[in-house]
Amino acid sequence: MQDRAIITVLGSDRSGIVAAVTGVLAEHNANILDISQTILQGIFTMTMLVDLGSTNVSFGDLQSRFSELSDEIGVQISMQREEVFKYMYRL
């Protein structure tokens, strides 16, 4: 479980959000285990469970890349380790 993370994306809907986020994951060899997305009255939301066991960067570096991407495409992107997410939200 220590190699898994939850990524959440929230923002105004527009084309290219999924491609941008999944492109970063592919670039760094992360594997998407589960994904859910919806659009509610023009608000895009996506949640992913990803396996980071084969990534070629550190967790912190990947978080930094998502922070940069967040600014580039104008959405909120959050990445937390799965165990932290589960503890915070008591799933």
N, C-alpha and C. Protein backbone atom coordinates (compact mmCIF):
# COMPACT_ATOMS: atom_id res chain seq x y z
N MET A 1 0.82 -1.19 0.00
CA MET A 1 0.00 0.00 0.00
C MET A 1 0.86 1.26 0.00
N GLN A 2 2.10 1.21 0.50
CA GLN A 2 2.92 2.41 0.59
C GLN A 2 3.30 2.97 -0.78
N ASP A 3 3.13 2.20 -1.84
CA ASP A 3 3.46 2.67 -3.18
C ASP A 3 2.24 3.16 -3.94
N ARG A 4 1.12 3.34 -3.24
CA ARG A 4 -0.10 3.79 -3.92
C ARG A 4 -0.49 5.18 -3.44
N ALA A 5 -1.14 5.91 -4.34
CA ALA A 5 -1.55 7.28 -4.01
C ALA A 5 -2.93 7.56 -4.59
N ILE A 6 -3.59 8.53 -3.98
CA ILE A 6 -4.87 9.03 -4.46
C ILE A 6 -4.62 10.40 -5.08
N ILE A 7 -5.07 10.59 -6.31
CA ILE A 7 -4.95 11.88 -6.99
C ILE A 7 -6.36 12.39 -7.22
N THR A 8 -6.60 13.64 -6.82
CA THR A 8 -7.90 14.26 -7.07
C THR A 8 -7.68 15.51 -7.91
N VAL A 9 -8.63 15.74 -8.82
CA VAL A 9 -8.58 16.88 -9.72
C VAL A 9 -9.95 17.56 -9.67
N LEU A 10 -9.95 18.88 -9.56
CA LEU A 10 -11.19 19.64 -9.47
C LEU A 10 -11.01 20.97 -10.18
N GLY A 11 -11.98 21.32 -11.02
CA GLY A 11 -11.90 22.61 -11.70
C GLY A 11 -12.97 22.75 -12.76
N SER A 12 -12.97 23.87 -13.42
CA SER A 12 -13.91 24.09 -14.52
C SER A 12 -13.59 23.12 -15.65
N ASP A 13 -14.64 22.55 -16.23
CA ASP A 13 -14.45 21.57 -17.28
C ASP A 13 -13.91 22.21 -18.55
N ARG A 14 -12.97 21.52 -19.16
CA ARG A 14 -12.45 21.90 -20.47
C ARG A 14 -11.74 20.69 -21.05
N SER A 15 -11.50 20.70 -22.33
CA SER A 15 -10.84 19.55 -22.94
C SER A 15 -9.37 19.49 -22.52
N GLY A 16 -8.85 18.27 -22.44
CA GLY A 16 -7.43 18.07 -22.18
C GLY A 16 -7.03 17.81 -20.75
N ILE A 17 -7.95 17.91 -19.79
CA ILE A 17 -7.57 17.71 -18.38
C ILE A 17 -7.10 16.28 -18.15
N VAL A 18 -7.90 15.32 -18.57
CA VAL A 18 -7.54 13.91 -18.36
C VAL A 18 -6.22 13.59 -19.07
N ALA A 19 -6.08 14.07 -20.29
CA ALA A 19 -4.85 13.81 -21.05
C ALA A 19 -3.63 14.40 -20.34
N ALA A 20 -3.75 15.60 -19.80
CA ALA A 20 -2.62 16.23 -19.13
C ALA A 20 -2.21 15.47 -17.87
N VAL A 21 -3.19 15.11 -17.06
CA VAL A 21 -2.89 14.41 -15.80
C VAL A 21 -2.34 13.02 -16.07
N THR A 22 -3.00 12.28 -16.94
CA THR A 22 -2.53 10.92 -17.23
C THR A 22 -1.21 10.94 -17.99
N GLY A 23 -0.95 12.01 -18.74
CA GLY A 23 0.33 12.14 -19.43
C GLY A 23 1.49 12.24 -18.45
N VAL A 24 1.30 13.00 -17.38
CA VAL A 24 2.34 13.10 -16.34
C VAL A 24 2.57 11.73 -15.71
N LEU A 25 1.48 11.02 -15.43
CA LEU A 25 1.63 9.68 -14.83
C LEU A 25 2.38 8.75 -15.77
N ALA A 26 2.04 8.76 -17.04
CA ALA A 26 2.71 7.90 -18.01
C ALA A 26 4.19 8.27 -18.15
N GLU A 27 4.46 9.55 -18.16
CA GLU A 27 5.84 10.04 -18.28
C GLU A 27 6.73 9.51 -17.16
N HIS A 28 6.13 9.28 -16.00
CA HIS A 28 6.90 8.85 -14.83
C HIS A 28 6.62 7.40 -14.43
N ASN A 29 6.03 6.62 -15.36
CA ASN A 29 5.82 5.18 -15.18
C ASN A 29 4.87 4.82 -14.05
N ALA A 30 3.93 5.69 -13.72
CA ALA A 30 2.91 5.37 -12.72
C ALA A 30 1.77 4.64 -13.42
N ASN A 31 1.14 3.72 -12.71
CA ASN A 31 0.06 2.92 -13.27
C ASN A 31 -1.26 3.29 -12.61
N ILE A 32 -2.27 3.60 -13.41
CA ILE A 32 -3.60 3.91 -12.89
C ILE A 32 -4.31 2.60 -12.57
N LEU A 33 -4.69 2.43 -11.30
CA LEU A 33 -5.38 1.22 -10.86
C LEU A 33 -6.89 1.39 -10.94
N ASP A 34 -7.38 2.59 -10.68
CA ASP A 34 -8.81 2.88 -10.73
C ASP A 34 -8.99 4.36 -11.01
N ILE A 35 -10.05 4.71 -11.70
CA ILE A 35 -10.29 6.10 -12.05
C ILE A 35 -11.79 6.35 -12.10
N SER A 36 -12.18 7.51 -11.62
CA SER A 36 -13.57 7.93 -11.67
C SER A 36 -13.59 9.41 -12.00
N GLN A 37 -14.48 9.79 -12.90
CA GLN A 37 -14.59 11.21 -13.22
C GLN A 37 -16.05 11.55 -13.47
N THR A 38 -16.38 12.79 -13.23
CA THR A 38 -17.72 13.27 -13.49
C THR A 38 -17.67 14.76 -13.75
N ILE A 39 -18.70 15.24 -14.38
CA ILE A 39 -18.84 16.68 -14.62
C ILE A 39 -20.20 17.08 -14.04
N LEU A 40 -20.17 18.00 -13.09
CA LEU A 40 -21.38 18.47 -12.45
C LEU A 40 -21.57 19.94 -12.78
N GLN A 41 -22.53 20.24 -13.66
CA GLN A 41 -22.82 21.62 -14.06
C GLN A 41 -21.56 22.40 -14.41
N GLY A 42 -20.72 21.79 -15.22
CA GLY A 42 -19.52 22.46 -15.70
C GLY A 42 -18.30 22.34 -14.80
N ILE A 43 -18.44 21.65 -13.67
CA ILE A 43 -17.31 21.42 -12.76
C ILE A 43 -16.80 20.00 -12.96
N PHE A 44 -15.54 19.90 -13.33
CA PHE A 44 -14.89 18.62 -13.58
C PHE A 44 -14.32 18.08 -12.29
N THR A 45 -14.59 16.81 -11.99
CA THR A 45 -13.96 16.15 -10.84
C THR A 45 -13.43 14.79 -11.29
N MET A 46 -12.26 14.44 -10.79
CA MET A 46 -11.66 13.14 -11.10
C MET A 46 -10.89 12.66 -9.88
N THR A 47 -11.02 11.38 -9.62
CA THR A 47 -10.28 10.73 -8.55
C THR A 47 -9.62 9.49 -9.13
N MET A 48 -8.34 9.31 -8.81
CA MET A 48 -7.60 8.15 -9.31
C MET A 48 -6.85 7.48 -8.17
N LEU A 49 -6.78 6.17 -8.24
CA LEU A 49 -5.88 5.39 -7.39
C LEU A 49 -4.75 4.96 -8.30
N VAL A 50 -3.51 5.30 -7.94
CA VAL A 50 -2.37 4.99 -8.79
C VAL A 50 -1.30 4.21 -8.03
N ASP A 51 -0.63 3.35 -8.77
CA ASP A 51 0.49 2.58 -8.24
C ASP A 51 1.77 3.31 -8.63
N LEU A 52 2.55 3.70 -7.63
CA LEU A 52 3.79 4.44 -7.87
C LEU A 52 5.03 3.56 -7.73
N GLY A 53 4.83 2.25 -7.63
CA GLY A 53 5.94 1.33 -7.40
C GLY A 53 7.03 1.35 -8.46
N SER A 54 6.70 1.72 -9.68
CA SER A 54 7.68 1.71 -10.77
C SER A 54 8.04 3.11 -11.25
N THR A 55 7.66 4.13 -10.49
CA THR A 55 7.94 5.50 -10.94
C THR A 55 9.43 5.78 -10.95
N ASN A 56 9.80 6.74 -11.80
CA ASN A 56 11.21 7.10 -11.95
C ASN A 56 11.54 8.43 -11.24
N VAL A 57 10.63 8.88 -10.37
CA VAL A 57 10.85 10.09 -9.57
C VAL A 57 10.34 9.84 -8.16
N SER A 58 10.74 10.70 -7.23
CA SER A 58 10.26 10.56 -5.86
C SER A 58 8.81 11.04 -5.74
N PHE A 59 8.17 10.66 -4.67
CA PHE A 59 6.80 11.10 -4.40
C PHE A 59 6.74 12.63 -4.39
N GLY A 60 7.67 13.26 -3.71
CA GLY A 60 7.72 14.73 -3.62
C GLY A 60 7.92 15.39 -4.97
N ASP A 61 8.76 14.81 -5.81
CA ASP A 61 8.97 15.36 -7.15
C ASP A 61 7.71 15.26 -8.00
N LEU A 62 7.00 14.15 -7.85
CA LEU A 62 5.76 13.98 -8.60
C LEU A 62 4.70 14.97 -8.10
N GLN A 63 4.64 15.19 -6.80
CA GLN A 63 3.73 16.20 -6.25
C GLN A 63 4.07 17.58 -6.82
N SER A 64 5.33 17.89 -6.90
CA SER A 64 5.76 19.18 -7.46
C SER A 64 5.35 19.31 -8.92
N ARG A 65 5.49 18.23 -9.67
CA ARG A 65 5.10 18.27 -11.09
C ARG A 65 3.60 18.51 -11.22
N PHE A 66 2.80 17.88 -10.34
CA PHE A 66 1.35 18.11 -10.38
C PHE A 66 1.00 19.53 -9.94
N SER A 67 1.77 20.10 -9.05
CA SER A 67 1.56 21.50 -8.67
C SER A 67 1.79 22.42 -9.86
N GLU A 68 2.85 22.16 -10.61
CA GLU A 68 3.13 22.93 -11.83
C GLU A 68 2.01 22.75 -12.84
N LEU A 69 1.57 21.51 -13.04
CA LEU A 69 0.51 21.23 -13.99
C LEU A 69 -0.79 21.91 -13.58
N SER A 70 -1.05 21.92 -12.30
CA SER A 70 -2.24 22.60 -11.78
C SER A 70 -2.27 24.06 -12.23
N ASP A 71 -1.13 24.74 -12.11
CA ASP A 71 -1.04 26.13 -12.55
C ASP A 71 -1.18 26.25 -14.06
N GLU A 72 -0.60 25.30 -14.78
CA GLU A 72 -0.62 25.34 -16.25
C GLU A 72 -2.02 25.20 -16.82
N ILE A 73 -2.82 24.28 -16.25
CA ILE A 73 -4.13 24.00 -16.84
C ILE A 73 -5.30 24.57 -16.05
N GLY A 74 -5.02 25.19 -14.92
CA GLY A 74 -6.06 25.90 -14.17
C GLY A 74 -7.04 25.02 -13.41
N VAL A 75 -6.56 23.92 -12.86
CA VAL A 75 -7.39 23.08 -12.00
C VAL A 75 -6.63 22.78 -10.71
N GLN A 76 -7.34 22.32 -9.70
CA GLN A 76 -6.68 21.89 -8.46
C GLN A 76 -6.31 20.42 -8.60
N ILE A 77 -5.06 20.10 -8.30
CA ILE A 77 -4.62 18.71 -8.33
C ILE A 77 -3.96 18.40 -6.99
N SER A 78 -4.43 17.34 -6.36
CA SER A 78 -3.89 16.93 -5.08
C SER A 78 -3.46 15.47 -5.17
N MET A 79 -2.31 15.15 -4.59
CA MET A 79 -1.84 13.77 -4.53
C MET A 79 -1.45 13.46 -3.09
N GLN A 80 -2.04 12.39 -2.56
CA GLN A 80 -1.74 11.95 -1.20
C GLN A 80 -1.45 10.46 -1.22
N ARG A 81 -0.59 10.05 -0.31
CA ARG A 81 -0.37 8.61 -0.16
C ARG A 81 -1.69 7.96 0.26
N GLU A 82 -1.93 6.77 -0.23
CA GLU A 82 -3.20 6.10 0.04
C GLU A 82 -3.47 5.95 1.53
N GLU A 83 -2.46 5.59 2.30
CA GLU A 83 -2.69 5.39 3.73
C GLU A 83 -3.05 6.70 4.44
N VAL A 84 -2.49 7.81 4.00
CA VAL A 84 -2.84 9.11 4.58
C VAL A 84 -4.27 9.47 4.21
N PHE A 85 -4.62 9.27 2.95
CA PHE A 85 -5.98 9.55 2.50
C PHE A 85 -7.00 8.73 3.29
N LYS A 86 -6.74 7.44 3.44
CA LYS A 86 -7.66 6.56 4.19
C LYS A 86 -7.77 7.00 5.65
N TYR A 87 -6.66 7.38 6.24
CA TYR A 87 -6.70 7.83 7.63
C TYR A 87 -7.51 9.12 7.75
N MET A 88 -7.27 10.06 6.84
CA MET A 88 -7.97 11.35 6.91
C MET A 88 -9.47 11.21 6.70
N TYR A 89 -9.87 10.31 5.82
CA TYR A 89 -11.28 10.20 5.46
C TYR A 89 -11.94 8.94 6.00
N ARG A 90 -11.21 8.17 6.77
CA ARG A 90 -11.73 6.98 7.43
C ARG A 90 -12.56 6.11 6.50
N LEU A 91 -11.95 5.72 5.37
CA LEU A 91 -12.64 4.89 4.38
C LEU A 91 -12.74 3.46 4.84
